[in-house]
């Protein structure tokens, strides 16, 4: 993250961990922060840390997600946050994404 911040990368993705410092520094130059989350708890933490959007991954995301599928997790988090959401994991084509 340090190099990305020094180079003023416009969009930085992080997952888990304490990322307040990333969001704070990225926001000073107009950068945005995307937080990868797998649970409601992670989403709440990311929002409090200053994330600009959430990358939500269910357990279909090559076993990197939590115990819930993306098709269940995305609507659940949509109801809990106003942050933009990028859905990931388990979507093979546009038809699946529309589901």
Foldseek 3Di string as FASTA:
>chain_A
DVVCLVVLPQEEEDEDDQCLVVQVSNVVVNHAYEYEAQALVRVVRCVVSRHQAYEYAYCQQVNPHDPGHLVVHVVVVVVVDPHHYHYDGDDPDPVSVVD
